[in-house]
PDB file of N, CA and C in Angstrom:
ATOM      1  N   MET A   1      56.919 -36.035 110.108  1.00  0.00           N
ATOM      2  CA  MET A   1      57.624 -36.747 111.403  1.00  0.00           C
ATOM      3  C   MET A   1      58.407 -37.889 110.522  1.00  0.00           C
ATOM      4  N   GLU A   2      59.655 -38.136 110.949  1.00  0.00           N
ATOM      5  CA  GLU A   2      60.632 -39.087 110.598  1.00  0.00           C
ATOM      6  C   GLU A   2      59.861 -40.448 111.065  1.00  0.00           C
ATOM      7  N   ASP A   3      60.121 -41.436 110.169  1.00  0.00           N
ATOM      8  CA  ASP A   3      59.729 -42.793 110.521  1.00  0.00           C
ATOM      9  C   ASP A   3      60.277 -43.400 111.830  1.00  0.00           C
ATOM     10  N   ARG A   4      61.579 -43.160 112.116  1.00  0.00           N
ATOM     11  CA  ARG A   4      62.035 -43.598 113.348  1.00  0.00           C
ATOM     12  C   ARG A   4      61.452 -42.756 114.548  1.00  0.00           C
ATOM     13  N   VAL A   5      61.058 -41.636 114.490  1.00  0.00           N
ATOM     14  CA  VAL A   5      60.304 -40.606 115.421  1.00  0.00           C
ATOM     15  C   VAL A   5      58.885 -41.315 115.481  1.00  0.00           C
ATOM     16  N   ARG A   6      58.226 -41.544 114.420  1.00  0.00           N
ATOM     17  CA  ARG A   6      56.963 -42.182 114.557  1.00  0.00           C
ATOM     18  C   ARG A   6      56.895 -43.484 115.188  1.00  0.00           C
ATOM     19  N   PHE A   7      57.967 -44.549 114.766  1.00  0.00           N
ATOM     20  CA  PHE A   7      57.971 -45.863 115.517  1.00  0.00           C
ATOM     21  C   PHE A   7      58.085 -45.608 116.884  1.00  0.00           C
ATOM     22  N   ALA A   8      59.104 -44.567 117.512  1.00  0.00           N
ATOM     23  CA  ALA A   8      59.462 -44.482 118.867  1.00  0.00           C
ATOM     24  C   ALA A   8      58.037 -44.070 119.474  1.00  0.00           C
ATOM     25  N   LEU A   9      57.165 -43.026 118.939  1.00  0.00           N
ATOM     26  CA  LEU A   9      56.055 -42.495 119.424  1.00  0.00           C
ATOM     27  C   LEU A   9      54.930 -43.528 119.729  1.00  0.00           C
ATOM     28  N   GLU A  10      54.864 -44.306 118.439  1.00  0.00           N
ATOM     29  CA  GLU A  10      53.940 -45.661 118.600  1.00  0.00           C
ATOM     30  C   GLU A  10      54.334 -46.568 119.842  1.00  0.00           C
ATOM     31  N   LYS A  11      55.512 -46.658 119.835  1.00  0.00           N
ATOM     32  CA  LYS A  11      55.825 -47.667 121.005  1.00  0.00           C
ATOM     33  C   LYS A  11      55.491 -47.054 122.401  1.00  0.00           C
ATOM     34  N   LEU A  12      55.682 -45.723 122.460  1.00  0.00           N
ATOM     35  CA  LEU A  12      55.533 -45.024 123.632  1.00  0.00           C
ATOM     36  C   LEU A  12      53.793 -44.987 123.891  1.00  0.00           C
ATOM     37  N   LEU A  13      53.202 -44.872 123.019  1.00  0.00           N
ATOM     38  CA  LEU A  13      51.605 -44.762 123.054  1.00  0.00           C
ATOM     39  C   LEU A  13      51.357 -46.096 123.594  1.00  0.00           C
ATOM     40  N   ASN A  14      51.831 -47.120 123.137  1.00  0.00           N
ATOM     41  CA  ASN A  14      51.295 -48.587 123.592  1.00  0.00           C
ATOM     42  C   ASN A  14      51.841 -48.566 124.993  1.00  0.00           C
ATOM     43  N   VAL A  15      53.008 -48.259 125.491  1.00  0.00           N
ATOM     44  CA  VAL A  15      53.380 -48.138 126.896  1.00  0.00           C
ATOM     45  C   VAL A  15      52.363 -47.556 127.944  1.00  0.00           C
ATOM     46  N   ALA A  16      52.012 -46.221 127.376  1.00  0.00           N
ATOM     47  CA  ALA A  16      51.191 -45.521 128.171  1.00  0.00           C
ATOM     48  C   ALA A  16      49.810 -45.934 128.136  1.00  0.00           C
ATOM     49  N   ASN A  17      49.237 -46.854 127.363  1.00  0.00           N
ATOM     50  CA  ASN A  17      48.088 -47.487 127.661  1.00  0.00           C
ATOM     51  C   ASN A  17      48.111 -48.435 128.478  1.00  0.00           C
ATOM     52  N   GLY A  18      49.156 -48.917 128.963  1.00  0.00           N
ATOM     53  CA  GLY A  18      49.298 -49.921 129.954  1.00  0.00           C
ATOM     54  C   GLY A  18      49.016 -49.426 131.363  1.00  0.00           C
ATOM     55  N   ASP A  19      48.489 -50.329 132.418  1.00  0.00           N
ATOM     56  CA  ASP A  19      48.305 -49.837 133.708  1.00  0.00           C
ATOM     57  C   ASP A  19      49.153 -50.265 134.667  1.00  0.00           C
ATOM     58  N   THR A  20      50.541 -49.359 134.393  1.00  0.00           N
ATOM     59  CA  THR A  20      51.736 -49.835 135.179  1.00  0.00           C
ATOM     60  C   THR A  20      52.278 -48.293 135.465  1.00  0.00           C
ATOM     61  N   GLY A  21      53.172 -48.568 136.499  1.00  0.00           N
ATOM     62  CA  GLY A  21      53.965 -47.203 136.771  1.00  0.00           C
ATOM     63  C   GLY A  21      54.782 -46.775 135.685  1.00  0.00           C
ATOM     64  N   GLN A  22      55.344 -47.570 134.803  1.00  0.00           N
ATOM     65  CA  GLN A  22      55.940 -47.207 133.560  1.00  0.00           C
ATOM     66  C   GLN A  22      54.987 -46.681 132.627  1.00  0.00           C
ATOM     67  N   GLY A  23      53.877 -47.066 132.483  1.00  0.00           N
ATOM     68  CA  GLY A  23      52.754 -46.608 131.580  1.00  0.00           C
ATOM     69  C   GLY A  23      52.329 -45.171 132.189  1.00  0.00           C
ATOM     70  N   ARG A  24      52.278 -44.869 133.239  1.00  0.00           N
ATOM     71  CA  ARG A  24      51.841 -43.554 133.917  1.00  0.00           C
ATOM     72  C   ARG A  24      52.923 -42.608 133.661  1.00  0.00           C
ATOM     73  N   ARG A  25      54.308 -43.028 133.781  1.00  0.00           N
ATOM     74  CA  ARG A  25      55.314 -42.145 133.315  1.00  0.00           C
ATOM     75  C   ARG A  25      55.411 -41.673 132.002  1.00  0.00           C
ATOM     76  N   VAL A  26      55.186 -42.700 131.180  1.00  0.00           N
ATOM     77  CA  VAL A  26      55.198 -42.360 129.765  1.00  0.00           C
ATOM     78  C   VAL A  26      53.947 -41.456 129.285  1.00  0.00           C
ATOM     79  N   ALA A  27      52.802 -41.866 129.858  1.00  0.00           N
ATOM     80  CA  ALA A  27      51.535 -41.057 129.648  1.00  0.00           C
ATOM     81  C   ALA A  27      51.985 -39.533 130.279  1.00  0.00           C
ATOM     82  N   ASN A  28      52.645 -39.302 131.323  1.00  0.00           N
ATOM     83  CA  ASN A  28      53.033 -37.856 131.576  1.00  0.00           C
ATOM     84  C   ASN A  28      53.974 -37.451 130.608  1.00  0.00           C
ATOM     85  N   PHE A  29      54.617 -38.026 129.992  1.00  0.00           N
ATOM     86  CA  PHE A  29      55.610 -37.525 128.818  1.00  0.00           C
ATOM     87  C   PHE A  29      54.804 -37.022 127.709  1.00  0.00           C
ATOM     88  N   ILE A  30      53.832 -38.083 127.464  1.00  0.00           N
ATOM     89  CA  ILE A  30      53.127 -37.763 126.108  1.00  0.00           C
ATOM     90  C   ILE A  30      52.252 -36.745 126.507  1.00  0.00           C
ATOM     91  N   LEU A  31      51.514 -36.650 127.446  1.00  0.00           N
ATOM     92  CA  LEU A  31      50.639 -35.516 127.813  1.00  0.00           C
ATOM     93  C   LEU A  31      51.234 -34.142 128.116  1.00  0.00           C
ATOM     94  N   ALA A  32      52.301 -34.176 128.602  1.00  0.00           N
ATOM     95  CA  ALA A  32      53.051 -32.770 128.875  1.00  0.00           C
ATOM     96  C   ALA A  32      53.303 -32.258 127.330  1.00  0.00           C
ATOM     97  N   TRP A  33      53.475 -33.068 126.199  1.00  0.00           N
ATOM     98  CA  TRP A  33      53.676 -32.587 124.979  1.00  0.00           C
ATOM     99  C   TRP A  33      52.422 -32.312 124.333  1.00  0.00           C
ATOM    100  N   TRP A  34      51.273 -32.910 124.616  1.00  0.00           N
ATOM    101  CA  TRP A  34      49.938 -32.641 124.050  1.00  0.00           C
ATOM    102  C   TRP A  34      49.477 -31.456 124.627  1.00  0.00           C
ATOM    103  N   ASN A  35      49.421 -31.300 126.097  1.00  0.00           N
ATOM    104  CA  ASN A  35      48.930 -30.188 126.526  1.00  0.00           C
ATOM    105  C   ASN A  35      49.359 -29.940 127.915  1.00  0.00           C
ATOM    106  N   ALA A  36      50.464 -29.495 128.186  1.00  0.00           N
ATOM    107  CA  ALA A  36      51.097 -29.521 129.715  1.00  0.00           C
ATOM    108  C   ALA A  36      50.249 -28.576 130.750  1.00  0.00           C
ATOM    109  N   GLY A  37      49.642 -27.496 130.021  1.00  0.00           N
ATOM    110  CA  GLY A  37      48.794 -26.695 131.085  1.00  0.00           C
ATOM    111  C   GLY A  37      47.614 -27.423 131.368  1.00  0.00           C
ATOM    112  N   GLU A  38      47.074 -28.411 130.780  1.00  0.00           N
ATOM    113  CA  GLU A  38      45.873 -29.102 131.239  1.00  0.00           C
ATOM    114  C   GLU A  38      46.124 -30.538 131.652  1.00  0.00           C
ATOM    115  N   HIS A  39      47.218 -31.025 131.263  1.00  0.00           N
ATOM    116  CA  HIS A  39      47.601 -32.301 131.811  1.00  0.00           C
ATOM    117  C   HIS A  39      48.731 -32.319 132.651  1.00  0.00           C
ATOM    118  N   GLY A  40      49.419 -31.337 132.879  1.00  0.00           N
ATOM    119  CA  GLY A  40      50.677 -31.466 133.763  1.00  0.00           C
ATOM    120  C   GLY A  40      52.027 -31.764 133.029  1.00  0.00           C
ATOM    121  N   GLY A  41      53.001 -31.675 133.597  1.00  0.00           N
ATOM    122  CA  GLY A  41      54.272 -31.601 133.021  1.00  0.00           C
ATOM    123  C   GLY A  41      54.883 -33.004 133.241  1.00  0.00           C
ATOM    124  N   PHE A  42      56.156 -33.109 132.840  1.00  0.00           N
ATOM    125  CA  PHE A  42      56.963 -34.282 132.927  1.00  0.00           C
ATOM    126  C   PHE A  42      58.156 -34.204 133.893  1.00  0.00           C
ATOM    127  N   ASP A  43      58.326 -35.048 134.905  1.00  0.00           N
ATOM    128  CA  ASP A  43      59.403 -35.024 135.779  1.00  0.00           C
ATOM    129  C   ASP A  43      60.593 -35.831 135.093  1.00  0.00           C
ATOM    130  N   LEU A  44      61.505 -35.101 134.803  1.00  0.00           N
ATOM    131  CA  LEU A  44      62.768 -35.694 134.129  1.00  0.00           C
ATOM    132  C   LEU A  44      63.312 -36.774 134.956  1.00  0.00           C
ATOM    133  N   THR A  45      63.201 -36.750 136.266  1.00  0.00           N
ATOM    134  CA  THR A  45      63.744 -37.922 137.006  1.00  0.00           C
ATOM    135  C   THR A  45      63.048 -39.297 136.768  1.00  0.00           C
ATOM    136  N   ASP A  46      61.848 -39.086 136.096  1.00  0.00           N
ATOM    137  CA  ASP A  46      61.187 -40.309 135.793  1.00  0.00           C
ATOM    138  C   ASP A  46      61.743 -41.177 134.746  1.00  0.00           C
ATOM    139  N   LEU A  47      62.733 -40.512 133.929  1.00  0.00           N
ATOM    140  CA  LEU A  47      63.530 -41.281 133.062  1.00  0.00           C
ATOM    141  C   LEU A  47      64.184 -42.345 133.653  1.00  0.00           C
ATOM    142  N   ALA A  48      64.663 -42.337 134.939  1.00  0.00           N
ATOM    143  CA  ALA A  48      65.354 -43.201 135.582  1.00  0.00           C
ATOM    144  C   ALA A  48      64.370 -44.462 136.130  1.00  0.00           C
ATOM    145  N   ASN A  49      63.112 -44.316 136.020  1.00  0.00           N
ATOM    146  CA  ASN A  49      62.080 -45.045 136.531  1.00  0.00           C
ATOM    147  C   ASN A  49      61.310 -45.986 135.338  1.00  0.00           C
ATOM    148  N   VAL A  50      61.842 -45.776 134.191  1.00  0.00           N
ATOM    149  CA  VAL A  50      61.542 -46.581 133.046  1.00  0.00           C
ATOM    150  C   VAL A  50      62.494 -47.567 132.308  1.00  0.00           C
ATOM    151  N   ASP A  51      62.121 -48.393 131.585  1.00  0.00           N
ATOM    152  CA  ASP A  51      63.363 -49.297 130.939  1.00  0.00           C
ATOM    153  C   ASP A  51      64.137 -48.474 130.093  1.00  0.00           C
ATOM    154  N   SER A  52      65.201 -48.795 129.966  1.00  0.00           N
ATOM    155  CA  SER A  52      66.283 -48.194 129.173  1.00  0.00           C
ATOM    156  C   SER A  52      65.715 -47.842 127.634  1.00  0.00           C
ATOM    157  N   GLU A  53      65.053 -48.965 127.120  1.00  0.00           N
ATOM    158  CA  GLU A  53      64.376 -48.731 125.530  1.00  0.00           C
ATOM    159  C   GLU A  53      63.322 -47.703 125.716  1.00  0.00           C
ATOM    160  N   VAL A  54      62.543 -47.665 126.630  1.00  0.00           N
ATOM    161  CA  VAL A  54      61.340 -46.719 126.634  1.00  0.00           C
ATOM    162  C   VAL A  54      62.167 -45.197 126.890  1.00  0.00           C
ATOM    163  N   ALA A  55      63.121 -45.123 127.638  1.00  0.00           N
ATOM    164  CA  ALA A  55      63.835 -43.912 127.873  1.00  0.00           C
ATOM    165  C   ALA A  55      64.443 -43.391 126.533  1.00  0.00           C
ATOM    166  N   GLU A  56      64.978 -44.375 125.777  1.00  0.00           N
ATOM    167  CA  GLU A  56      65.547 -43.921 124.430  1.00  0.00           C
ATOM    168  C   GLU A  56      64.595 -43.442 123.545  1.00  0.00           C
ATOM    169  N   ASP A  57      63.455 -44.129 123.738  1.00  0.00           N
ATOM    170  CA  ASP A  57      62.145 -43.612 122.751  1.00  0.00           C
ATOM    171  C   ASP A  57      61.733 -42.231 123.068  1.00  0.00           C
ATOM    172  N   MET A  58      61.710 -42.115 124.363  1.00  0.00           N
ATOM    173  CA  MET A  58      61.544 -40.679 124.843  1.00  0.00           C
ATOM    174  C   MET A  58      62.514 -39.733 124.298  1.00  0.00           C
ATOM    175  N   ALA A  59      63.801 -40.040 124.394  1.00  0.00           N
ATOM    176  CA  ALA A  59      64.831 -39.250 124.067  1.00  0.00           C
ATOM    177  C   ALA A  59      64.815 -38.959 122.421  1.00  0.00           C
ATOM    178  N   THR A  60      64.263 -39.952 121.662  1.00  0.00           N
ATOM    179  CA  THR A  60      64.280 -39.832 120.384  1.00  0.00           C
ATOM    180  C   THR A  60      63.098 -38.766 119.985  1.00  0.00           C
ATOM    181  N   VAL A  61      61.949 -38.879 120.696  1.00  0.00           N
ATOM    182  CA  VAL A  61      60.816 -37.915 120.412  1.00  0.00           C
ATOM    183  C   VAL A  61      61.261 -36.460 121.019  1.00  0.00           C
ATOM    184  N   PHE A  62      61.847 -36.515 122.224  1.00  0.00           N
ATOM    185  CA  PHE A  62      62.252 -35.136 122.513  1.00  0.00           C
ATOM    186  C   PHE A  62      63.532 -34.536 121.663  1.00  0.00           C
ATOM    187  N   THR A  63      64.242 -35.220 121.308  1.00  0.00           N
ATOM    188  CA  THR A  63      65.411 -34.751 120.265  1.00  0.00           C
ATOM    189  C   THR A  63      64.599 -34.071 118.948  1.00  0.00           C
ATOM    190  N   TRP A  64      63.787 -34.957 118.498  1.00  0.00           N
ATOM    191  CA  TRP A  64      63.017 -34.516 117.238  1.00  0.00           C
ATOM    192  C   TRP A  64      62.167 -33.407 117.714  1.00  0.00           C
ATOM    193  N   LEU A  65      61.654 -33.033 118.770  1.00  0.00           N
ATOM    194  CA  LEU A  65      60.927 -31.891 119.039  1.00  0.00           C
ATOM    195  C   LEU A  65      61.728 -30.742 119.227  1.00  0.00           C
ATOM    196  N   ALA A  66      63.087 -30.916 119.883  1.00  0.00           N
ATOM    197  CA  ALA A  66      63.845 -29.849 119.942  1.00  0.00           C
ATOM    198  C   ALA A  66      64.710 -29.263 118.546  1.00  0.00           C
ATOM    199  N   ARG A  67      64.597 -30.204 117.643  1.00  0.00           N
ATOM    200  CA  ARG A  67      65.117 -29.862 116.376  1.00  0.00           C
ATOM    201  C   ARG A  67      64.192 -29.139 115.565  1.00  0.00           C
ATOM    202  N   GLU A  68      62.676 -29.190 115.774  1.00  0.00           N
ATOM    203  CA  GLU A  68      61.687 -28.650 114.764  1.00  0.00           C
ATOM    204  C   GLU A  68      61.790 -27.291 115.107  1.00  0.00           C
ATOM    205  N   GLU A  69      61.313 -26.392 114.057  1.00  0.00           N
ATOM    206  CA  GLU A  69      61.361 -25.011 114.226  1.00  0.00           C
ATOM    207  C   GLU A  69      59.849 -24.639 114.724  1.00  0.00           C
ATOM    208  N   ASP A  70      58.954 -25.317 114.502  1.00  0.00           N
ATOM    209  CA  ASP A  70      57.622 -25.290 115.161  1.00  0.00           C
ATOM    210  C   ASP A  70      57.159 -26.548 115.900  1.00  0.00           C
ATOM    211  N   LEU A  71      56.684 -26.320 116.987  1.00  0.00           N
ATOM    212  CA  LEU A  71      56.174 -27.645 117.670  1.00  0.00           C
ATOM    213  C   LEU A  71      55.004 -28.208 117.094  1.00  0.00           C
ATOM    214  N   HIS A  72      55.346 -29.263 116.934  1.00  0.00           N
ATOM    215  CA  HIS A  72      53.989 -30.066 116.174  1.00  0.00           C
ATOM    216  C   HIS A  72      53.364 -31.121 116.925  1.00  0.00           C
ATOM    217  N   TYR A  73      52.083 -30.998 117.202  1.00  0.00           N
ATOM    218  CA  TYR A  73      51.439 -31.848 118.170  1.00  0.00           C
ATOM    219  C   TYR A  73      51.065 -33.338 117.390  1.00  0.00           C
ATOM    220  N   PRO A  74      50.976 -34.354 117.894  1.00  0.00           N
ATOM    221  CA  PRO A  74      50.748 -35.528 117.238  1.00  0.00           C
ATOM    222  C   PRO A  74      49.059 -35.789 116.978  1.00  0.00           C
ATOM    223  N   HIS A  75      48.821 -35.023 116.025  1.00  0.00           N
ATOM    224  CA  HIS A  75      47.299 -34.819 115.793  1.00  0.00           C
ATOM    225  C   HIS A  75      46.654 -36.182 115.145  1.00  0.00           C
ATOM    226  N   ASP A  76      47.772 -36.937 114.267  1.00  0.00           N
ATOM    227  CA  ASP A  76      47.485 -38.022 113.878  1.00  0.00           C
ATOM    228  C   ASP A  76      47.107 -39.150 114.765  1.00  0.00           C
ATOM    229  N   TYR A  77      47.617 -39.022 116.116  1.00  0.00           N
ATOM    230  CA  TYR A  77      47.423 -40.103 117.033  1.00  0.00           C
ATOM    231  C   TYR A  77      46.429 -39.411 118.163  1.00  0.00           C
ATOM    232  N   ARG A  78      45.390 -38.566 117.686  1.00  0.00           N
ATOM    233  CA  ARG A  78      44.485 -38.088 118.720  1.00  0.00           C
ATOM    234  C   ARG A  78      43.742 -38.966 119.428  1.00  0.00           C
ATOM    235  N   GLY A  79      43.124 -39.963 118.718  1.00  0.00           N
ATOM    236  CA  GLY A  79      42.452 -41.082 119.222  1.00  0.00           C
ATOM    237  C   GLY A  79      43.138 -41.737 120.236  1.00  0.00           C
ATOM    238  N   GLU A  80      44.514 -42.162 120.109  1.00  0.00           N
ATOM    239  CA  GLU A  80      45.243 -42.888 120.982  1.00  0.00           C
ATOM    240  C   GLU A  80      45.572 -42.083 122.228  1.00  0.00           C
ATOM    241  N   ILE A  81      45.875 -40.726 121.988  1.00  0.00           N
ATOM    242  CA  ILE A  81      46.055 -39.879 123.076  1.00  0.00           C
ATOM    243  C   ILE A  81      44.748 -39.599 123.938  1.00  0.00           C
ATOM    244  N   GLU A  82      43.529 -39.555 123.281  1.00  0.00           N
ATOM    245  CA  GLU A  82      42.440 -39.359 124.121  1.00  0.00           C
ATOM    246  C   GLU A  82      42.073 -40.715 124.820  1.00  0.00           C
ATOM    247  N   GLN A  83      42.525 -41.727 124.355  1.00  0.00           N
ATOM    248  CA  GLN A  83      42.420 -43.083 125.266  1.00  0.00           C
ATOM    249  C   GLN A  83      43.533 -42.931 126.547  1.00  0.00           C
ATOM    250  N   ILE A  84      44.544 -42.174 126.408  1.00  0.00           N
ATOM    251  CA  ILE A  84      45.564 -42.098 127.338  1.00  0.00           C
ATOM    252  C   ILE A  84      44.980 -41.185 128.524  1.00  0.00           C
ATOM    253  N   ILE A  85      44.323 -40.174 127.789  1.00  0.00           N
ATOM    254  CA  ILE A  85      43.655 -39.142 128.748  1.00  0.00           C
ATOM    255  C   ILE A  85      42.464 -39.622 129.713  1.00  0.00           C
ATOM    256  N   ALA A  86      41.781 -40.463 129.054  1.00  0.00           N
ATOM    257  CA  ALA A  86      40.725 -41.303 129.675  1.00  0.00           C
ATOM    258  C   ALA A  86      41.287 -41.953 130.797  1.00  0.00           C
ATOM    259  N   ARG A  87      42.267 -42.987 130.479  1.00  0.00           N
ATOM    260  CA  ARG A  87      42.928 -43.629 131.541  1.00  0.00           C
ATOM    261  C   ARG A  87      43.446 -42.963 132.654  1.00  0.00           C
ATOM    262  N   TRP A  88      44.613 -41.962 132.262  1.00  0.00           N
ATOM    263  CA  TRP A  88      45.409 -41.211 133.195  1.00  0.00           C
ATOM    264  C   TRP A  88      44.837 -40.173 133.832  1.00  0.00           C
ATOM    265  N   ARG A  89      44.063 -39.418 133.005  1.00  0.00           N
ATOM    266  CA  ARG A  89      43.351 -37.985 133.478  1.00  0.00           C
ATOM    267  C   ARG A  89      41.849 -37.883 133.206  1.00  0.00           C
ATOM    268  N   PRO A  90      41.138 -38.941 133.910  1.00  0.00           N
ATOM    269  CA  PRO A  90      39.789 -38.863 133.565  1.00  0.00           C
ATOM    270  C   PRO A  90      38.978 -37.546 134.117  1.00  0.00           C
ATOM    271  N   GLN A  91      39.501 -36.768 134.608  1.00  0.00           N
ATOM    272  CA  GLN A  91      38.758 -35.475 135.013  1.00  0.00           C
ATOM    273  C   GLN A  91      39.088 -34.549 133.923  1.00  0.00           C
ATOM    274  N   ALA A  92      39.933 -34.682 133.054  1.00  0.00           N
ATOM    275  CA  ALA A  92      40.351 -33.586 132.058  1.00  0.00           C
ATOM    276  C   ALA A  92      39.409 -33.734 130.887  1.00  0.00           C
ATOM    277  N   GLU A  93      39.162 -32.850 130.232  1.00  0.00           N
ATOM    278  CA  GLU A  93      38.309 -32.876 128.794  1.00  0.00           C
ATOM    279  C   GLU A  93      39.535 -33.141 127.806  1.00  0.00           C
ATOM    280  N   THR A  94      39.056 -33.802 126.795  1.00  0.00           N
ATOM    281  CA  THR A  94      40.076 -34.125 125.536  1.00  0.00           C
ATOM    282  C   THR A  94      40.062 -33.135 124.708  1.00  0.00           C
ATOM    283  N   ALA A  95      39.242 -32.231 124.656  1.00  0.00           N
ATOM    284  CA  ALA A  95      39.262 -31.095 123.340  1.00  0.00           C
ATOM    285  C   ALA A  95      40.301 -30.087 123.743  1.00  0.00           C
TER     286      ALA A  95
END
């Protein structure tokens, strides 16, 4: 993962751990990547409901994913993602 993508993802993880509407929307974005079948998808209209900097970070991650030949899950950030699951999807299993 390129540094600029890693930086954008780390900023998004921080936002997703916040207890705000923006945090919920970012969590939806991250969890749709992690496991959409288990955690739900991402509504693209939510891009209009986050700060422009956050939307740009989402676009950075999305663009990187679109250019990859194989979809890579952010396993290096499993702990942070499990925290997001616990906050926003407490009924779901993390495994």
